[in-house]
Each structure stands twice: as C-alpha cells, then as structure tokens.
C-alpha cells in the first residue's frame, strides 16, 4: 500500500473527474465511492446520494477526489507530469485534456476541472542534459516558444545548436 495519496478537492465533480480521467488515460481504476447521506449532504451543501469521496488509482498511483465545495480551487503551483514516448501520445493527451488555451505554455495545460498537467516528451530530460550548454540552451529556447511540446522541434533545436 502506498504511503502517499494525492487528495484532490473538487466542487461537486469528483466522480465525473475520475470517470473522465479513465476515458483519457485508460489506466484508471475506480476503487470505491462514498456517497453523501442526508445529514452530510445538508451540511456540505451537496445533493443526497452524490459522491462525497472517490478513491481511484491513476497509473497505479492512489488518488482521492473529495467533493468539498467551492472554497478551494486548483492552481498551476501543483501539476501532474505525464511523460510521453511519441508525438501521437502528446497530441492525444493534449486534445483530450486542454480546456483553456489561454493558460497553455511550455507543455503545461489546464483541464476542464482546473487541474494542471504537464504533457512532456520522455526525451526532453535527455535533450536538456546530454549535450553541450549551447544545445541545452537551444532546446530551452525552443520549448519556451511552444504551447504543446513538439518532439521534432525540440530535437531540431538540439541538433542545430
């Protein structure tokens, strides 16, 4: 059992989010859903019978989605990093997750629930650390010009430096 569980505070969308992430990633297992009883629903301002907590795993990592209300919102200070082997994988996740083009930059996006994601080629770490300082700088410069990261563009920056 994992000692670290990511706890996500939603405003009535925890069950919808878990199901959506299952659609996007496939590698999601919804383990159980605790529902609001009458008293808890009245106290929490949620409909009776709606999801209170959703326990799920994403790529084997445990998560709890809590429908806690509008008091807290997600922000980019916390994001989930998805390492992708191919451009097709990057493109698919980007298309399915991106909900606010104004907030996209350098491989970061925000989904329809306000959760921040980094959709990054697995090759990026190697490009940034294996070449010369000039190559690393060229990759950084190329990355800073992109919203969705482009593997061919990053590789071309590395090779051209």
N, C-alpha and C. Protein backbone atom coordinates (compact mmCIF):
# COMPACT_ATOMS: atom_id res chain seq x y z
N UNK A 1 0.84 -1.19 0.00
CA UNK A 1 0.00 0.00 0.00
C UNK A 1 0.88 1.25 0.00
N UNK A 2 0.50 2.21 -0.79
CA UNK A 2 1.26 3.46 -0.88
C UNK A 2 1.05 4.31 0.37
N UNK A 3 2.10 4.95 0.82
CA UNK A 3 2.00 5.85 1.97
C UNK A 3 1.63 7.26 1.55
N UNK A 4 1.69 7.52 0.25
CA UNK A 4 1.40 8.86 -0.25
C UNK A 4 0.21 8.78 -1.20
N UNK A 5 -0.84 9.53 -0.89
CA UNK A 5 -2.03 9.58 -1.72
C UNK A 5 -2.30 11.03 -2.09
N UNK A 6 -2.53 11.27 -3.35
CA UNK A 6 -2.88 12.62 -3.80
C UNK A 6 -4.36 12.85 -3.52
N UNK A 7 -4.66 13.94 -2.84
CA UNK A 7 -6.02 14.28 -2.43
C UNK A 7 -6.44 15.51 -3.21
N UNK A 8 -7.48 15.38 -4.01
CA UNK A 8 -7.95 16.47 -4.88
C UNK A 8 -9.30 16.98 -4.41
N UNK A 9 -9.41 18.27 -4.22
CA UNK A 9 -10.63 18.92 -3.75
C UNK A 9 -11.42 19.42 -4.95
N UNK A 10 -12.59 18.86 -5.16
CA UNK A 10 -13.47 19.26 -6.27
C UNK A 10 -14.71 19.96 -5.73
N UNK A 11 -15.38 20.65 -6.60
CA UNK A 11 -16.64 21.31 -6.27
C UNK A 11 -17.78 20.54 -6.93
N UNK A 12 -18.04 19.33 -6.41
CA UNK A 12 -19.14 18.52 -6.91
C UNK A 12 -18.82 17.69 -8.14
N UNK A 13 -17.54 17.62 -8.55
CA UNK A 13 -17.20 16.95 -9.81
C UNK A 13 -16.24 15.77 -9.63
N UNK A 14 -16.04 15.29 -8.43
CA UNK A 14 -15.03 14.24 -8.19
C UNK A 14 -15.33 12.97 -8.98
N UNK A 15 -16.56 12.52 -8.97
CA UNK A 15 -16.90 11.29 -9.69
C UNK A 15 -16.78 11.51 -11.20
N UNK A 16 -17.25 12.65 -11.68
CA UNK A 16 -17.12 12.99 -13.09
C UNK A 16 -15.65 13.03 -13.50
N UNK A 17 -14.81 13.62 -12.66
CA UNK A 17 -13.38 13.72 -12.96
C UNK A 17 -12.74 12.34 -13.03
N UNK A 18 -13.01 11.47 -12.07
CA UNK A 18 -12.42 10.13 -12.09
C UNK A 18 -12.83 9.38 -13.35
N UNK A 19 -14.09 9.49 -13.73
CA UNK A 19 -14.55 8.83 -14.96
C UNK A 19 -13.92 9.45 -16.20
N UNK A 20 -13.74 10.76 -16.18
CA UNK A 20 -13.11 11.45 -17.31
C UNK A 20 -11.65 11.02 -17.45
N UNK A 21 -10.93 10.96 -16.34
CA UNK A 21 -9.53 10.54 -16.40
C UNK A 21 -9.42 9.08 -16.86
N UNK A 22 -10.41 8.28 -16.52
CA UNK A 22 -10.44 6.89 -17.02
C UNK A 22 -10.57 6.89 -18.54
N UNK A 23 -11.40 7.78 -19.06
CA UNK A 23 -11.56 7.90 -20.51
C UNK A 23 -10.27 8.40 -21.17
N UNK A 24 -9.63 9.37 -20.57
CA UNK A 24 -8.41 9.97 -21.14
C UNK A 24 -7.24 9.00 -21.07
N UNK A 25 -6.98 8.43 -19.90
CA UNK A 25 -5.77 7.66 -19.68
C UNK A 25 -5.96 6.15 -19.77
N UNK A 26 -7.18 5.69 -19.56
CA UNK A 26 -7.41 4.25 -19.56
C UNK A 26 -6.89 3.57 -18.31
N UNK A 27 -5.77 4.01 -17.80
CA UNK A 27 -5.10 3.37 -16.66
C UNK A 27 -5.65 3.91 -15.35
N UNK A 28 -6.97 3.96 -15.24
CA UNK A 28 -7.63 4.43 -14.02
C UNK A 28 -8.53 3.31 -13.50
N UNK A 29 -8.41 3.04 -12.21
CA UNK A 29 -9.30 2.08 -11.57
C UNK A 29 -10.04 2.80 -10.45
N UNK A 30 -11.35 2.87 -10.57
CA UNK A 30 -12.16 3.47 -9.50
C UNK A 30 -12.41 2.37 -8.48
N UNK A 31 -11.91 2.59 -7.26
CA UNK A 31 -11.97 1.55 -6.24
C UNK A 31 -13.24 1.60 -5.42
N UNK A 32 -13.62 2.77 -4.97
CA UNK A 32 -14.88 2.90 -4.25
C UNK A 32 -15.31 4.35 -4.22
N UNK A 33 -16.61 4.52 -3.97
CA UNK A 33 -17.20 5.86 -3.90
C UNK A 33 -18.04 5.93 -2.64
N UNK A 34 -17.72 6.87 -1.77
CA UNK A 34 -18.53 7.14 -0.58
C UNK A 34 -19.52 8.25 -0.96
N UNK A 35 -20.78 8.04 -0.65
CA UNK A 35 -21.82 8.99 -1.05
C UNK A 35 -22.35 9.77 0.16
N UNK A 36 -22.80 10.98 -0.11
CA UNK A 36 -23.38 11.82 0.93
C UNK A 36 -24.71 11.23 1.40
N UNK A 37 -24.82 11.04 2.71
CA UNK A 37 -26.11 10.72 3.31
C UNK A 37 -26.87 12.03 3.52
N UNK A 38 -28.05 11.94 4.04
CA UNK A 38 -28.91 13.12 4.20
C UNK A 38 -28.24 14.22 5.03
N UNK A 39 -27.75 13.86 6.21
CA UNK A 39 -27.18 14.87 7.11
C UNK A 39 -25.91 15.49 6.53
N UNK A 40 -25.00 14.66 6.02
CA UNK A 40 -23.76 15.17 5.44
C UNK A 40 -24.05 16.02 4.21
N UNK A 41 -25.05 15.63 3.43
CA UNK A 41 -25.42 16.41 2.24
C UNK A 41 -25.91 17.80 2.64
N UNK A 42 -26.73 17.85 3.68
CA UNK A 42 -27.23 19.15 4.15
C UNK A 42 -26.09 20.02 4.67
N UNK A 43 -25.18 19.42 5.44
CA UNK A 43 -24.05 20.17 5.98
C UNK A 43 -23.10 20.63 4.88
N UNK A 44 -22.88 19.78 3.88
CA UNK A 44 -21.93 20.09 2.82
C UNK A 44 -22.52 20.83 1.64
N UNK A 45 -23.84 21.00 1.63
CA UNK A 45 -24.47 21.69 0.52
C UNK A 45 -24.44 20.89 -0.78
N UNK A 46 -24.40 19.58 -0.66
CA UNK A 46 -24.36 18.70 -1.83
C UNK A 46 -25.64 17.87 -1.88
N UNK A 47 -26.00 17.38 -3.05
CA UNK A 47 -27.20 16.54 -3.15
C UNK A 47 -27.01 15.21 -2.42
N UNK A 48 -28.04 14.78 -1.71
CA UNK A 48 -28.00 13.48 -1.06
C UNK A 48 -27.77 12.40 -2.11
N UNK A 49 -26.89 11.46 -1.81
CA UNK A 49 -26.58 10.38 -2.74
C UNK A 49 -25.47 10.69 -3.73
N UNK A 50 -25.06 11.97 -3.80
CA UNK A 50 -23.96 12.31 -4.70
C UNK A 50 -22.64 11.87 -4.08
N UNK A 51 -21.61 11.79 -4.91
CA UNK A 51 -20.30 11.32 -4.43
C UNK A 51 -19.70 12.31 -3.44
N UNK A 52 -19.27 11.81 -2.30
CA UNK A 52 -18.54 12.62 -1.33
C UNK A 52 -17.03 12.43 -1.56
N UNK A 53 -16.60 11.15 -1.63
CA UNK A 53 -15.19 10.84 -1.89
C UNK A 53 -15.11 9.71 -2.90
N UNK A 54 -14.19 9.88 -3.85
CA UNK A 54 -13.96 8.86 -4.87
C UNK A 54 -12.51 8.42 -4.75
N UNK A 55 -12.30 7.15 -4.44
CA UNK A 55 -10.96 6.58 -4.36
C UNK A 55 -10.65 5.92 -5.70
N UNK A 56 -9.53 6.34 -6.31
CA UNK A 56 -9.15 5.76 -7.59
C UNK A 56 -7.64 5.75 -7.73
N UNK A 57 -7.16 4.96 -8.67
CA UNK A 57 -5.74 4.97 -9.00
C UNK A 57 -5.59 5.45 -10.43
N UNK A 58 -4.51 6.17 -10.67
CA UNK A 58 -4.15 6.65 -12.00
C UNK A 58 -2.71 6.21 -12.23
N UNK A 59 -2.51 5.35 -13.22
CA UNK A 59 -1.19 4.75 -13.46
C UNK A 59 -0.65 4.11 -12.18
N UNK A 60 -1.54 3.50 -11.40
CA UNK A 60 -1.14 2.81 -10.18
C UNK A 60 -0.96 3.70 -8.96
N UNK A 61 -1.05 5.01 -9.13
CA UNK A 61 -0.88 5.94 -8.02
C UNK A 61 -2.24 6.22 -7.37
N UNK A 62 -2.33 6.18 -6.05
CA UNK A 62 -3.62 6.40 -5.39
C UNK A 62 -4.03 7.88 -5.36
N UNK A 63 -5.31 8.09 -5.58
CA UNK A 63 -5.91 9.42 -5.53
C UNK A 63 -7.22 9.34 -4.75
N UNK A 64 -7.57 10.43 -4.11
CA UNK A 64 -8.90 10.61 -3.53
C UNK A 64 -9.44 11.91 -4.07
N UNK A 65 -10.62 11.85 -4.67
CA UNK A 65 -11.33 13.05 -5.09
C UNK A 65 -12.41 13.35 -4.07
N UNK A 66 -12.37 14.52 -3.49
CA UNK A 66 -13.35 14.94 -2.48
C UNK A 66 -14.23 16.03 -3.06
N UNK A 67 -15.52 15.88 -2.92
CA UNK A 67 -16.43 16.97 -3.28
C UNK A 67 -16.60 17.85 -2.05
N UNK A 68 -15.72 18.82 -1.92
CA UNK A 68 -15.69 19.66 -0.74
C UNK A 68 -16.36 21.01 -0.89
N UNK A 69 -16.76 21.37 -2.11
CA UNK A 69 -17.40 22.66 -2.31
C UNK A 69 -16.48 23.66 -2.98
N UNK A 70 -16.95 24.91 -3.09
CA UNK A 70 -16.23 25.92 -3.87
C UNK A 70 -15.12 26.67 -3.12
N UNK A 71 -14.83 26.29 -1.88
CA UNK A 71 -13.87 27.06 -1.07
C UNK A 71 -12.47 27.09 -1.67
N UNK A 72 -12.05 26.00 -2.29
CA UNK A 72 -10.69 25.91 -2.81
C UNK A 72 -10.72 25.58 -4.29
N UNK A 73 -9.73 26.11 -5.00
CA UNK A 73 -9.61 25.85 -6.44
C UNK A 73 -8.20 25.36 -6.73
N UNK A 74 -8.09 24.60 -7.81
CA UNK A 74 -6.77 24.16 -8.27
C UNK A 74 -6.02 25.35 -8.83
N UNK A 75 -4.68 25.26 -8.81
CA UNK A 75 -3.86 26.28 -9.46
C UNK A 75 -2.59 25.61 -9.99
N UNK A 76 -1.85 26.30 -10.87
CA UNK A 76 -0.69 25.68 -11.51
C UNK A 76 0.50 25.40 -10.59
N UNK A 77 0.42 25.79 -9.32
CA UNK A 77 1.52 25.50 -8.41
C UNK A 77 1.70 24.00 -8.21
N UNK A 78 0.64 23.24 -8.44
CA UNK A 78 0.69 21.78 -8.41
C UNK A 78 0.23 21.29 -9.77
N UNK A 79 1.01 20.40 -10.36
CA UNK A 79 0.62 19.84 -11.66
C UNK A 79 1.01 18.37 -11.72
N UNK A 80 0.42 17.67 -12.66
CA UNK A 80 0.74 16.26 -12.89
C UNK A 80 1.52 16.15 -14.18
N UNK A 81 2.66 15.48 -14.11
CA UNK A 81 3.62 15.37 -15.20
C UNK A 81 3.40 14.04 -15.90
N UNK A 82 3.05 14.10 -17.18
CA UNK A 82 2.84 12.89 -17.98
C UNK A 82 3.97 12.79 -19.00
N UNK A 83 4.78 11.76 -18.88
CA UNK A 83 5.90 11.53 -19.78
C UNK A 83 5.41 10.70 -20.97
N UNK A 84 5.63 11.23 -22.18
CA UNK A 84 5.11 10.61 -23.40
C UNK A 84 6.24 10.15 -24.30
N UNK A 85 6.11 8.97 -24.85
CA UNK A 85 7.14 8.41 -25.74
C UNK A 85 7.04 8.95 -27.16
N UNK A 86 5.84 9.30 -27.62
CA UNK A 86 5.65 9.70 -29.02
C UNK A 86 4.88 11.01 -29.12
N UNK A 87 4.98 11.65 -30.27
CA UNK A 87 4.21 12.86 -30.53
C UNK A 87 2.72 12.54 -30.57
N UNK A 88 2.37 11.37 -31.08
CA UNK A 88 0.95 10.98 -31.12
C UNK A 88 0.37 10.91 -29.71
N UNK A 89 1.15 10.42 -28.76
CA UNK A 89 0.70 10.35 -27.37
C UNK A 89 0.52 11.76 -26.80
N UNK A 90 1.48 12.63 -27.06
CA UNK A 90 1.37 14.03 -26.63
C UNK A 90 0.12 14.65 -27.22
N UNK A 91 -0.06 14.48 -28.52
CA UNK A 91 -1.21 15.08 -29.22
C UNK A 91 -2.53 14.57 -28.65
N UNK A 92 -2.62 13.29 -28.37
CA UNK A 92 -3.86 12.70 -27.85
C UNK A 92 -4.20 13.27 -26.47
N UNK A 93 -3.22 13.26 -25.56
CA UNK A 93 -3.48 13.79 -24.22
C UNK A 93 -3.82 15.28 -24.29
N UNK A 94 -3.11 16.01 -25.14
CA UNK A 94 -3.34 17.44 -25.26
C UNK A 94 -4.77 17.71 -25.73
N UNK A 95 -5.17 16.99 -26.76
CA UNK A 95 -6.51 17.19 -27.32
C UNK A 95 -7.59 16.85 -26.30
N UNK A 96 -7.38 15.80 -25.53
CA UNK A 96 -8.41 15.37 -24.58
C UNK A 96 -8.43 16.20 -23.29
N UNK A 97 -7.29 16.73 -22.88
CA UNK A 97 -7.22 17.41 -21.59
C UNK A 97 -7.35 18.93 -21.66
N UNK A 98 -6.82 19.55 -22.70
CA UNK A 98 -6.74 21.01 -22.73
C UNK A 98 -8.12 21.65 -22.78
N UNK A 99 -8.39 22.51 -21.81
CA UNK A 99 -9.69 23.18 -21.74
C UNK A 99 -9.58 24.70 -21.73
N UNK A 100 -8.38 25.23 -21.61
CA UNK A 100 -8.20 26.68 -21.52
C UNK A 100 -6.93 27.09 -22.27
N UNK A 101 -7.02 27.32 -23.59
CA UNK A 101 -5.84 27.64 -24.39
C UNK A 101 -5.05 28.85 -23.88
N UNK A 102 -5.70 29.76 -23.17
CA UNK A 102 -5.00 30.93 -22.64
C UNK A 102 -3.97 30.55 -21.58
N UNK A 103 -4.16 29.43 -20.92
CA UNK A 103 -3.24 29.02 -19.86
C UNK A 103 -2.16 28.05 -20.34
N UNK A 104 -2.18 27.71 -21.62
CA UNK A 104 -1.20 26.76 -22.15
C UNK A 104 0.15 27.43 -22.36
N UNK A 105 1.20 26.76 -21.94
CA UNK A 105 2.55 27.20 -22.27
C UNK A 105 3.55 26.13 -21.86
N UNK A 106 4.57 25.97 -22.68
CA UNK A 106 5.72 25.11 -22.37
C UNK A 106 5.32 23.69 -21.96
N UNK A 107 4.27 23.16 -22.57
CA UNK A 107 3.83 21.81 -22.25
C UNK A 107 2.83 21.72 -21.11
N UNK A 108 2.47 22.86 -20.52
CA UNK A 108 1.51 22.88 -19.42
C UNK A 108 0.13 23.20 -19.98
N UNK A 109 -0.88 22.56 -19.40
CA UNK A 109 -2.27 22.86 -19.76
C UNK A 109 -3.15 22.71 -18.53
N UNK A 110 -4.38 23.19 -18.64
CA UNK A 110 -5.36 23.08 -17.57
C UNK A 110 -6.57 22.34 -18.12
N UNK A 111 -7.05 21.34 -17.39
CA UNK A 111 -8.20 20.58 -17.86
C UNK A 111 -9.51 21.24 -17.44
N UNK A 112 -10.62 20.63 -17.79
CA UNK A 112 -11.93 21.24 -17.54
C UNK A 112 -12.30 21.32 -16.06
N UNK A 113 -11.53 20.67 -15.21
CA UNK A 113 -11.77 20.75 -13.77
C UNK A 113 -10.83 21.75 -13.09
N UNK A 114 -9.91 22.33 -13.87
CA UNK A 114 -8.95 23.28 -13.33
C UNK A 114 -7.63 22.64 -12.92
N UNK A 115 -7.48 21.34 -13.14
CA UNK A 115 -6.26 20.62 -12.77
C UNK A 115 -5.19 20.89 -13.82
N UNK A 116 -3.97 21.19 -13.38
CA UNK A 116 -2.84 21.46 -14.28
C UNK A 116 -2.08 20.18 -14.59
N UNK A 117 -1.70 20.07 -15.86
CA UNK A 117 -0.95 18.92 -16.35
C UNK A 117 0.24 19.40 -17.15
N UNK A 118 1.32 18.65 -17.08
CA UNK A 118 2.47 18.85 -17.96
C UNK A 118 2.54 17.63 -18.89
N UNK A 119 2.40 17.87 -20.18
CA UNK A 119 2.45 16.80 -21.17
C UNK A 119 3.79 16.93 -21.88
N UNK A 120 4.72 16.04 -21.56
CA UNK A 120 6.13 16.24 -21.88
C UNK A 120 6.71 15.00 -22.57
N UNK A 121 7.51 15.22 -23.63
CA UNK A 121 8.17 14.08 -24.24
C UNK A 121 9.20 13.46 -23.29
N UNK A 122 9.25 12.15 -23.23
CA UNK A 122 10.22 11.46 -22.38
C UNK A 122 11.64 11.86 -22.74
N UNK A 123 11.85 12.22 -23.98
CA UNK A 123 13.16 12.60 -24.49
C UNK A 123 13.68 13.93 -23.94
N UNK A 124 12.80 14.76 -23.40
CA UNK A 124 13.19 16.12 -23.01
C UNK A 124 14.34 16.14 -22.00
N UNK A 125 14.28 15.32 -20.98
CA UNK A 125 15.36 15.30 -19.98
C UNK A 125 16.71 15.00 -20.61
N UNK A 126 16.72 14.06 -21.54
CA UNK A 126 17.97 13.71 -22.23
C UNK A 126 18.46 14.88 -23.07
N UNK A 127 17.55 15.54 -23.79
CA UNK A 127 17.95 16.68 -24.61
C UNK A 127 18.52 17.82 -23.76
N UNK A 128 17.96 18.01 -22.59
CA UNK A 128 18.39 19.11 -21.72
C UNK A 128 19.71 18.81 -21.00
N UNK A 129 20.05 17.54 -20.84
CA UNK A 129 21.21 17.23 -20.00
C UNK A 129 22.36 16.52 -20.72
N UNK A 130 22.15 16.02 -21.93
CA UNK A 130 23.20 15.19 -22.53
C UNK A 130 24.12 15.92 -23.50
N UNK A 131 23.72 17.07 -23.97
CA UNK A 131 24.54 17.77 -24.96
C UNK A 131 25.39 18.85 -24.35
N UNK A 132 25.79 19.77 -25.20
CA UNK A 132 26.57 20.93 -24.75
C UNK A 132 25.64 21.95 -24.11
N UNK A 133 26.23 22.93 -23.47
CA UNK A 133 25.44 24.02 -22.91
C UNK A 133 24.66 24.75 -23.99
N UNK A 134 25.26 24.88 -25.16
CA UNK A 134 24.60 25.55 -26.28
C UNK A 134 23.38 24.74 -26.75
N UNK A 135 23.50 23.43 -26.77
CA UNK A 135 22.37 22.59 -27.17
C UNK A 135 21.24 22.67 -26.14
N UNK A 136 21.60 22.63 -24.88
CA UNK A 136 20.60 22.76 -23.82
C UNK A 136 19.88 24.10 -23.91
N UNK A 137 20.64 25.15 -24.15
CA UNK A 137 20.06 26.49 -24.29
C UNK A 137 19.13 26.54 -25.50
N UNK A 138 19.51 25.92 -26.60
CA UNK A 138 18.67 25.91 -27.81
C UNK A 138 17.36 25.17 -27.56
N UNK A 139 17.43 24.06 -26.85
CA UNK A 139 16.21 23.30 -26.52
C UNK A 139 15.33 24.14 -25.60
N UNK A 140 15.92 24.78 -24.60
CA UNK A 140 15.15 25.64 -23.69
C UNK A 140 14.46 26.77 -24.46
N UNK A 141 15.19 27.39 -25.36
CA UNK A 141 14.62 28.48 -26.16
C UNK A 141 13.45 27.97 -27.00
N UNK A 142 13.61 26.82 -27.65
CA UNK A 142 12.54 26.25 -28.47
C UNK A 142 11.32 25.92 -27.60
N UNK A 143 11.56 25.32 -26.45
CA UNK A 143 10.48 24.94 -25.54
C UNK A 143 9.68 26.17 -25.10
N UNK A 144 10.36 27.25 -24.81
CA UNK A 144 9.69 28.46 -24.34
C UNK A 144 8.79 29.10 -25.39
N UNK A 145 8.99 28.74 -26.65
CA UNK A 145 8.16 29.28 -27.73
C UNK A 145 6.92 28.42 -27.98
N UNK A 146 6.84 27.26 -27.37
CA UNK A 146 5.78 26.30 -27.65
C UNK A 146 4.69 26.33 -26.59
N UNK A 147 3.48 25.99 -27.00
CA UNK A 147 2.42 25.66 -26.06
C UNK A 147 2.46 24.15 -25.87
N UNK A 148 1.98 23.40 -26.86
CA UNK A 148 2.11 21.94 -26.85
C UNK A 148 3.52 21.62 -27.34
N UNK A 149 4.22 20.78 -26.62
CA UNK A 149 5.60 20.47 -26.99
C UNK A 149 5.64 19.58 -28.23
N UNK A 150 6.60 19.90 -29.09
CA UNK A 150 6.78 19.21 -30.36
C UNK A 150 8.14 18.52 -30.35
N UNK A 151 8.11 17.19 -30.35
CA UNK A 151 9.36 16.42 -30.25
C UNK A 151 10.31 16.77 -31.38
N UNK A 152 9.80 16.82 -32.61
CA UNK A 152 10.67 17.12 -33.76
C UNK A 152 11.29 18.50 -33.63
N UNK A 153 10.53 19.48 -33.16
CA UNK A 153 11.06 20.83 -32.99
C UNK A 153 12.13 20.90 -31.91
N UNK A 154 11.93 20.18 -30.83
CA UNK A 154 12.92 20.15 -29.76
C UNK A 154 14.19 19.44 -30.22
N UNK A 155 14.01 18.33 -30.94
CA UNK A 155 15.17 17.60 -31.45
C UNK A 155 15.93 18.44 -32.47
N UNK A 156 15.20 19.17 -33.33
CA UNK A 156 15.84 20.03 -34.33
C UNK A 156 16.64 21.14 -33.65
N UNK A 157 16.11 21.70 -32.57
CA UNK A 157 16.85 22.73 -31.84
C UNK A 157 18.14 22.16 -31.27
N UNK A 158 18.06 20.97 -30.72
CA UNK A 158 19.24 20.30 -30.17
C UNK A 158 20.27 20.02 -31.26
N UNK A 159 19.80 19.45 -32.37
CA UNK A 159 20.71 19.07 -33.47
C UNK A 159 21.31 20.28 -34.17
N UNK A 160 20.58 21.39 -34.19
CA UNK A 160 21.04 22.58 -34.90
C UNK A 160 21.98 23.47 -34.11
N UNK A 161 22.14 23.16 -32.84
CA UNK A 161 22.98 24.03 -31.99
C UNK A 161 24.45 23.64 -32.06
